[in-house]
N, C-alpha and C. Protein backbone atom coordinates (compact mmCIF):
# COMPACT_ATOMS: atom_id res chain seq x y z
N MET A 1 135.49 124.51 107.35
CA MET A 1 135.14 125.30 106.20
C MET A 1 133.65 125.16 105.94
N ASP A 2 133.07 126.25 105.66
CA ASP A 2 131.65 126.18 105.36
C ASP A 2 131.40 126.43 103.88
N ALA A 3 130.18 126.42 103.49
CA ALA A 3 129.81 126.52 102.07
C ALA A 3 130.11 127.90 101.52
N PHE A 4 130.15 128.92 102.36
CA PHE A 4 130.41 130.27 101.92
C PHE A 4 131.83 130.41 101.38
N ASP A 5 132.79 129.72 101.98
CA ASP A 5 134.18 129.78 101.54
C ASP A 5 134.38 129.08 100.19
N GLN A 6 133.63 128.06 99.88
CA GLN A 6 133.78 127.28 98.65
C GLN A 6 133.20 128.04 97.44
N THR A 7 132.22 128.86 97.60
CA THR A 7 131.50 129.48 96.49
C THR A 7 132.39 130.38 95.63
N PRO A 8 133.22 131.28 96.20
CA PRO A 8 134.05 132.10 95.31
C PRO A 8 135.03 131.28 94.48
N VAL A 9 135.57 130.21 95.03
CA VAL A 9 136.51 129.36 94.27
C VAL A 9 135.76 128.67 93.14
N ASP A 10 134.59 128.13 93.43
CA ASP A 10 133.78 127.46 92.40
C ASP A 10 133.35 128.45 91.32
N ALA A 11 132.99 129.67 91.73
CA ALA A 11 132.57 130.69 90.77
C ALA A 11 133.75 131.09 89.87
N ALA A 12 134.91 131.27 90.47
CA ALA A 12 136.10 131.62 89.68
C ALA A 12 136.47 130.50 88.73
N TYR A 13 136.36 129.26 89.23
CA TYR A 13 136.67 128.09 88.38
C TYR A 13 135.68 127.98 87.24
N ALA A 14 134.41 128.21 87.51
CA ALA A 14 133.36 128.15 86.48
C ALA A 14 133.59 129.24 85.45
N GLU A 15 133.97 130.43 85.91
CA GLU A 15 134.26 131.54 85.00
C GLU A 15 135.46 131.21 84.12
N PHE A 16 136.53 130.68 84.73
CA PHE A 16 137.72 130.27 83.98
C PHE A 16 137.36 129.20 82.95
N GLN A 17 136.58 128.21 83.38
CA GLN A 17 136.18 127.12 82.49
C GLN A 17 135.37 127.66 81.30
N ALA A 18 134.47 128.60 81.53
CA ALA A 18 133.65 129.19 80.47
C ALA A 18 134.53 129.96 79.49
N GLU A 19 135.47 130.75 80.03
CA GLU A 19 136.40 131.52 79.19
C GLU A 19 137.27 130.58 78.36
N TYR A 20 137.73 129.52 78.98
CA TYR A 20 138.57 128.52 78.29
C TYR A 20 137.80 127.86 77.14
N GLU A 21 136.57 127.48 77.37
CA GLU A 21 135.73 126.86 76.34
C GLU A 21 135.48 127.84 75.19
N ARG A 22 135.24 129.12 75.53
CA ARG A 22 135.02 130.15 74.51
C ARG A 22 136.26 130.30 73.62
N LYS A 23 137.44 130.33 74.23
CA LYS A 23 138.70 130.45 73.47
C LYS A 23 138.91 129.23 72.58
N ILE A 24 138.60 128.05 73.10
CA ILE A 24 138.73 126.83 72.30
C ILE A 24 137.81 126.89 71.09
N GLN A 25 136.57 127.36 71.28
CA GLN A 25 135.63 127.47 70.18
C GLN A 25 136.09 128.51 69.15
N GLU A 26 136.61 129.66 69.63
CA GLU A 26 137.13 130.68 68.72
C GLU A 26 138.30 130.13 67.90
N THR A 27 139.21 129.43 68.58
CA THR A 27 140.36 128.83 67.90
C THR A 27 139.90 127.79 66.88
N ALA A 28 138.92 126.99 67.25
CA ALA A 28 138.41 125.97 66.33
C ALA A 28 137.79 126.63 65.10
N LEU A 29 137.05 127.73 65.32
CA LEU A 29 136.45 128.45 64.19
C LEU A 29 137.53 129.04 63.27
N GLU A 30 138.58 129.59 63.88
CA GLU A 30 139.68 130.14 63.09
C GLU A 30 140.36 129.05 62.28
N HIS A 31 140.62 127.91 62.92
CA HIS A 31 141.26 126.79 62.22
C HIS A 31 140.36 126.29 61.08
N GLU A 32 139.07 126.24 61.35
CA GLU A 32 138.13 125.78 60.33
C GLU A 32 138.12 126.74 59.14
N LYS A 33 138.15 128.05 59.44
CA LYS A 33 138.16 129.06 58.39
C LYS A 33 139.45 128.96 57.57
N ILE A 34 140.57 128.82 58.25
CA ILE A 34 141.86 128.68 57.57
C ILE A 34 141.89 127.41 56.73
N ALA A 35 141.35 126.32 57.27
CA ALA A 35 141.31 125.06 56.53
C ALA A 35 140.46 125.20 55.28
N GLU A 36 139.35 125.90 55.38
CA GLU A 36 138.47 126.11 54.21
C GLU A 36 139.19 126.96 53.16
N GLU A 37 139.90 127.99 53.58
CA GLU A 37 140.68 128.82 52.65
C GLU A 37 141.76 127.99 51.97
N ASN A 38 142.45 127.15 52.76
CA ASN A 38 143.49 126.29 52.19
C ASN A 38 142.91 125.30 51.19
N ARG A 39 141.73 124.75 51.51
CA ARG A 39 141.07 123.82 50.57
C ARG A 39 140.75 124.54 49.26
N ALA A 40 140.23 125.75 49.37
CA ALA A 40 139.87 126.53 48.18
C ALA A 40 141.11 126.82 47.34
N ARG A 41 142.21 127.22 48.00
CA ARG A 41 143.45 127.48 47.28
C ARG A 41 144.01 126.21 46.65
N ALA A 42 143.91 125.09 47.36
CA ALA A 42 144.40 123.81 46.83
C ALA A 42 143.59 123.39 45.62
N LEU A 43 142.27 123.55 45.69
CA LEU A 43 141.44 123.20 44.53
C LEU A 43 141.77 124.09 43.33
N GLU A 44 141.99 125.37 43.59
CA GLU A 44 142.35 126.29 42.52
C GLU A 44 143.71 125.90 41.91
N ALA A 45 144.67 125.58 42.77
CA ALA A 45 145.99 125.17 42.29
C ALA A 45 145.89 123.86 41.51
N MET A 46 145.05 122.95 41.97
CA MET A 46 144.87 121.67 41.27
C MET A 46 144.25 121.89 39.89
N GLU A 47 143.26 122.77 39.82
CA GLU A 47 142.65 123.08 38.52
C GLU A 47 143.65 123.73 37.59
N GLN A 48 144.47 124.62 38.14
CA GLN A 48 145.52 125.27 37.35
C GLN A 48 146.52 124.24 36.85
N PHE A 49 146.91 123.32 37.71
CA PHE A 49 147.84 122.27 37.34
C PHE A 49 147.26 121.40 36.23
N LYS A 50 145.99 121.01 36.39
CA LYS A 50 145.35 120.18 35.37
C LYS A 50 145.26 120.91 34.03
N ALA A 51 144.93 122.19 34.08
CA ALA A 51 144.83 122.97 32.84
C ALA A 51 146.20 123.08 32.17
N GLU A 52 147.24 123.31 32.96
CA GLU A 52 148.60 123.40 32.40
C GLU A 52 149.04 122.06 31.81
N ARG A 53 148.75 120.98 32.53
CA ARG A 53 149.10 119.65 32.04
C ARG A 53 148.35 119.34 30.74
N GLU A 54 147.09 119.71 30.68
CA GLU A 54 146.30 119.48 29.46
C GLU A 54 146.85 120.31 28.30
N ARG A 55 147.24 121.56 28.60
CA ARG A 55 147.82 122.41 27.56
C ARG A 55 149.12 121.81 27.03
N LEU A 56 149.97 121.33 27.94
CA LEU A 56 151.23 120.71 27.52
C LEU A 56 150.97 119.43 26.73
N ARG A 57 149.98 118.67 27.16
CA ARG A 57 149.63 117.43 26.45
C ARG A 57 149.15 117.74 25.03
N GLU A 58 148.30 118.75 24.90
CA GLU A 58 147.79 119.14 23.58
C GLU A 58 148.94 119.65 22.70
N ALA A 59 149.85 120.42 23.29
CA ALA A 59 151.00 120.92 22.53
C ALA A 59 151.87 119.77 22.06
N LYS A 60 152.08 118.78 22.92
CA LYS A 60 152.90 117.63 22.54
C LYS A 60 152.21 116.82 21.44
N ILE A 61 150.89 116.65 21.57
CA ILE A 61 150.15 115.93 20.53
C ILE A 61 150.28 116.65 19.19
N GLU A 62 150.14 117.96 19.22
CA GLU A 62 150.25 118.75 17.98
C GLU A 62 151.66 118.65 17.40
N ALA A 63 152.68 118.73 18.27
CA ALA A 63 154.07 118.62 17.79
C ALA A 63 154.31 117.23 17.19
N ASN A 64 153.80 116.20 17.83
CA ASN A 64 153.96 114.84 17.31
C ASN A 64 153.26 114.68 15.96
N ARG A 65 152.07 115.29 15.84
CA ARG A 65 151.35 115.22 14.55
C ARG A 65 152.15 115.89 13.45
N SER A 66 152.70 117.09 13.75
CA SER A 66 153.49 117.78 12.73
C SER A 66 154.73 116.99 12.36
N LEU A 67 155.40 116.44 13.37
CA LEU A 67 156.60 115.64 13.11
C LEU A 67 156.26 114.41 12.28
N GLU A 68 155.16 113.75 12.63
CA GLU A 68 154.74 112.58 11.87
C GLU A 68 154.40 112.96 10.44
N GLN A 69 153.71 114.08 10.25
CA GLN A 69 153.37 114.54 8.90
C GLN A 69 154.63 114.84 8.10
N ALA A 70 155.60 115.49 8.72
CA ALA A 70 156.85 115.80 8.04
C ALA A 70 157.59 114.52 7.67
N THR A 71 157.58 113.55 8.59
CA THR A 71 158.25 112.28 8.33
C THR A 71 157.57 111.54 7.18
N ILE A 72 156.25 111.53 7.16
CA ILE A 72 155.52 110.86 6.08
C ILE A 72 155.81 111.54 4.74
N GLU A 73 155.82 112.87 4.75
CA GLU A 73 156.13 113.60 3.52
C GLU A 73 157.55 113.29 3.04
N LYS A 74 158.49 113.21 3.97
CA LYS A 74 159.88 112.89 3.61
C LYS A 74 159.97 111.48 3.03
N LEU A 75 159.28 110.52 3.67
CA LEU A 75 159.29 109.15 3.16
C LEU A 75 158.66 109.08 1.77
N ASP A 76 157.56 109.80 1.58
CA ASP A 76 156.93 109.82 0.26
C ASP A 76 157.86 110.43 -0.78
N ALA A 77 158.54 111.52 -0.39
CA ALA A 77 159.48 112.16 -1.33
C ALA A 77 160.64 111.22 -1.64
N ASP A 78 161.08 110.45 -0.64
CA ASP A 78 162.18 109.51 -0.87
C ASP A 78 161.75 108.38 -1.81
N LEU A 79 160.50 107.98 -1.73
CA LEU A 79 160.02 106.90 -2.59
C LEU A 79 159.94 107.33 -4.05
N VAL A 80 159.65 108.61 -4.30
CA VAL A 80 159.55 109.08 -5.68
C VAL A 80 160.90 109.50 -6.22
N ASN A 81 161.87 109.63 -5.38
CA ASN A 81 163.20 110.06 -5.81
C ASN A 81 163.79 109.04 -6.78
N GLU A 82 164.39 109.54 -7.85
CA GLU A 82 164.96 108.65 -8.85
C GLU A 82 166.21 107.93 -8.35
N ASN A 83 166.92 108.53 -7.44
CA ASN A 83 168.15 107.94 -6.94
C ASN A 83 167.88 107.29 -5.57
N PRO A 84 167.76 105.96 -5.51
CA PRO A 84 167.46 105.30 -4.23
C PRO A 84 168.59 105.42 -3.21
N TRP A 85 169.80 105.71 -3.68
CA TRP A 85 170.93 105.79 -2.76
C TRP A 85 170.86 107.04 -1.90
N GLU A 86 170.15 108.06 -2.35
CA GLU A 86 169.97 109.24 -1.50
C GLU A 86 169.20 108.86 -0.25
N ARG A 87 168.22 107.97 -0.42
CA ARG A 87 167.45 107.50 0.73
C ARG A 87 168.33 106.68 1.68
N VAL A 88 169.18 105.84 1.11
CA VAL A 88 170.09 105.02 1.92
C VAL A 88 171.02 105.92 2.72
N VAL A 89 171.56 106.94 2.06
CA VAL A 89 172.49 107.85 2.74
C VAL A 89 171.77 108.61 3.85
N SER A 90 170.49 108.94 3.64
CA SER A 90 169.76 109.64 4.69
C SER A 90 169.51 108.74 5.89
N LEU A 91 169.49 107.42 5.69
CA LEU A 91 169.26 106.48 6.78
C LEU A 91 170.54 106.10 7.51
N VAL A 92 171.69 106.32 6.86
CA VAL A 92 172.97 105.92 7.45
C VAL A 92 173.59 107.10 8.18
N GLU A 93 174.12 106.83 9.34
CA GLU A 93 174.79 107.84 10.15
C GLU A 93 176.19 108.03 9.59
N LEU A 94 176.45 109.18 8.97
CA LEU A 94 177.75 109.40 8.34
C LEU A 94 178.78 109.99 9.30
N GLU A 95 178.33 110.53 10.40
CA GLU A 95 179.26 111.07 11.39
C GLU A 95 179.68 109.92 12.32
N SER A 96 180.95 109.82 12.60
CA SER A 96 181.45 108.69 13.37
C SER A 96 181.04 108.80 14.84
N ILE A 97 181.01 107.67 15.50
CA ILE A 97 180.65 107.60 16.91
C ILE A 97 181.67 108.38 17.74
N LYS A 98 182.92 108.25 17.36
CA LYS A 98 183.99 108.91 18.12
C LYS A 98 183.84 110.44 18.02
N THR A 99 183.51 110.93 16.84
CA THR A 99 183.33 112.36 16.65
C THR A 99 182.16 112.87 17.48
N LYS A 100 181.07 112.13 17.45
CA LYS A 100 179.90 112.52 18.25
C LYS A 100 180.23 112.52 19.73
N ALA A 101 180.93 111.46 20.18
CA ALA A 101 181.29 111.36 21.60
C ALA A 101 182.22 112.51 21.99
N ALA A 102 183.14 112.87 21.09
CA ALA A 102 184.06 113.97 21.38
C ALA A 102 183.29 115.28 21.52
N LYS A 103 182.29 115.49 20.67
CA LYS A 103 181.48 116.71 20.76
C LYS A 103 180.71 116.75 22.07
N ARG A 104 180.09 115.61 22.43
CA ARG A 104 179.33 115.55 23.69
C ARG A 104 180.25 115.77 24.88
N LEU A 105 181.46 115.19 24.83
CA LEU A 105 182.42 115.34 25.92
C LEU A 105 182.86 116.80 26.05
N ALA A 106 183.10 117.46 24.91
CA ALA A 106 183.50 118.86 24.94
C ALA A 106 182.38 119.73 25.51
N GLU A 107 181.14 119.44 25.13
CA GLU A 107 180.01 120.20 25.66
C GLU A 107 179.86 119.98 27.16
N ALA A 108 180.03 118.73 27.61
CA ALA A 108 179.92 118.43 29.03
C ALA A 108 181.03 119.12 29.82
N ARG A 109 182.23 119.15 29.26
CA ARG A 109 183.34 119.85 29.94
C ARG A 109 183.07 121.34 30.00
N ALA A 110 182.48 121.89 28.92
CA ALA A 110 182.18 123.32 28.90
C ALA A 110 181.13 123.66 29.97
N ARG A 111 180.20 122.76 30.20
CA ARG A 111 179.19 122.98 31.24
C ARG A 111 179.74 122.67 32.63
N GLY A 112 180.92 122.05 32.71
CA GLY A 112 181.53 121.73 34.00
C GLY A 112 181.06 120.42 34.59
N GLU A 113 180.42 119.58 33.80
CA GLU A 113 179.92 118.30 34.30
C GLU A 113 181.03 117.25 34.40
N ILE A 114 182.05 117.37 33.57
CA ILE A 114 183.14 116.39 33.55
C ILE A 114 184.45 117.15 33.71
N SER A 115 185.33 116.61 34.53
CA SER A 115 186.62 117.27 34.73
C SER A 115 187.53 117.04 33.52
N GLU A 116 188.52 117.89 33.38
CA GLU A 116 189.44 117.82 32.25
C GLU A 116 190.30 116.55 32.28
N GLU A 117 190.58 116.02 33.49
CA GLU A 117 191.47 114.88 33.61
C GLU A 117 190.82 113.58 33.13
N LYS A 118 189.52 113.55 33.15
CA LYS A 118 188.82 112.31 32.81
C LYS A 118 188.97 112.01 31.32
N LYS A 119 189.43 110.81 31.03
CA LYS A 119 189.61 110.37 29.65
C LYS A 119 188.50 109.40 29.30
N VAL A 120 188.02 109.51 28.08
CA VAL A 120 186.98 108.61 27.61
C VAL A 120 187.49 107.92 26.36
N GLU A 121 187.59 106.63 26.44
CA GLU A 121 188.05 105.83 25.29
C GLU A 121 186.86 105.09 24.71
N LEU A 122 186.71 105.20 23.41
CA LEU A 122 185.64 104.49 22.72
C LEU A 122 186.24 103.63 21.62
N GLU A 123 185.73 102.44 21.51
CA GLU A 123 186.14 101.60 20.39
C GLU A 123 185.33 102.03 19.19
N GLU A 124 185.99 102.07 18.06
CA GLU A 124 185.28 102.47 16.86
C GLU A 124 185.61 101.49 15.74
N VAL A 125 184.56 101.10 15.05
CA VAL A 125 184.73 100.23 13.89
C VAL A 125 184.91 101.14 12.69
N ASP A 126 185.90 100.82 11.86
CA ASP A 126 186.18 101.65 10.70
C ASP A 126 185.15 101.37 9.61
N VAL A 127 184.29 102.33 9.37
CA VAL A 127 183.27 102.19 8.33
C VAL A 127 183.42 103.29 7.28
N ASN A 128 184.61 103.85 7.19
CA ASN A 128 184.85 104.93 6.26
C ASN A 128 184.64 104.50 4.81
N ARG A 129 185.11 103.31 4.46
CA ARG A 129 184.95 102.84 3.08
C ARG A 129 183.46 102.68 2.73
N MET A 130 182.68 102.14 3.66
CA MET A 130 181.25 101.98 3.42
C MET A 130 180.60 103.35 3.19
N LYS A 131 180.97 104.33 3.98
CA LYS A 131 180.42 105.67 3.84
C LYS A 131 180.79 106.28 2.49
N GLN A 132 182.05 106.07 2.11
CA GLN A 132 182.49 106.58 0.81
C GLN A 132 181.68 105.96 -0.32
N ILE A 133 181.44 104.66 -0.23
CA ILE A 133 180.67 103.98 -1.27
C ILE A 133 179.24 104.51 -1.31
N PHE A 134 178.62 104.69 -0.15
CA PHE A 134 177.26 105.22 -0.11
C PHE A 134 177.20 106.60 -0.75
N LEU A 135 178.15 107.46 -0.40
CA LEU A 135 178.16 108.80 -0.98
C LEU A 135 178.39 108.74 -2.49
N GLN A 136 179.27 107.85 -2.92
CA GLN A 136 179.54 107.70 -4.36
C GLN A 136 178.28 107.22 -5.08
N LEU A 137 177.59 106.24 -4.50
CA LEU A 137 176.37 105.72 -5.10
C LEU A 137 175.25 106.77 -5.11
N LYS A 138 175.25 107.63 -4.10
CA LYS A 138 174.25 108.69 -4.06
C LYS A 138 174.48 109.65 -5.23
N GLN A 139 175.75 109.97 -5.48
CA GLN A 139 176.07 110.92 -6.54
C GLN A 139 175.94 110.28 -7.93
N GLU A 140 176.40 109.04 -8.05
CA GLU A 140 176.33 108.32 -9.32
C GLU A 140 175.86 106.90 -9.07
N PRO A 141 174.56 106.63 -9.23
CA PRO A 141 174.05 105.29 -8.98
C PRO A 141 174.70 104.25 -9.91
N LEU A 142 174.64 102.99 -9.49
CA LEU A 142 175.23 101.90 -10.27
C LEU A 142 174.68 101.85 -11.68
N GLU A 143 173.38 102.13 -11.85
CA GLU A 143 172.77 102.06 -13.17
C GLU A 143 173.46 103.02 -14.15
N LEU A 144 173.89 104.17 -13.62
CA LEU A 144 174.56 105.15 -14.48
C LEU A 144 176.02 104.79 -14.71
N THR A 145 176.71 104.35 -13.67
CA THR A 145 178.14 104.09 -13.79
C THR A 145 178.43 102.80 -14.54
N ARG A 146 177.56 101.82 -14.42
CA ARG A 146 177.83 100.53 -15.07
C ARG A 146 176.93 100.28 -16.27
N GLY A 147 176.05 101.24 -16.56
CA GLY A 147 175.19 101.08 -17.73
C GLY A 147 174.16 99.97 -17.57
N ILE A 148 173.82 99.62 -16.32
CA ILE A 148 172.87 98.56 -16.06
C ILE A 148 171.48 99.15 -16.01
N GLU A 149 170.54 98.51 -16.70
CA GLU A 149 169.15 98.95 -16.63
C GLU A 149 168.51 98.43 -15.35
N SER A 150 167.66 99.26 -14.75
CA SER A 150 166.98 98.78 -13.53
C SER A 150 165.87 97.82 -13.93
N HIS A 151 165.53 96.94 -13.04
CA HIS A 151 164.55 95.88 -13.31
C HIS A 151 163.21 96.43 -13.60
């Protein structure tokens, strides 16, 4: 074999190699462009997320402030109330635990979270007499019913 036979193969190989390198560079440029677009979209989405989170945070802060203000006003109103038993009744849970649990169970069954066969047993302490006394005291304080002057 002489040098003349080798030249077309080398030329074809060099041409193939140049074309291959060009395609690799084009692909790299495309990937770089796509990566830059993705970065821009990600930054935009991150800014949107931060803005939404800040908006929700501000809304929660405002809701907490209003709730706190309402609670303070209610406490102040309870302090000026002539009948202290009304405040006690507002602090005591008058609905029984069993009733509340039955309502929650019925709601869960309606949503399909709990099957009908499942039974839930709750122990309950009988506090009906205490509730009756609180309600009675709310309506007629001891000072009125027993003629006792407050200190």
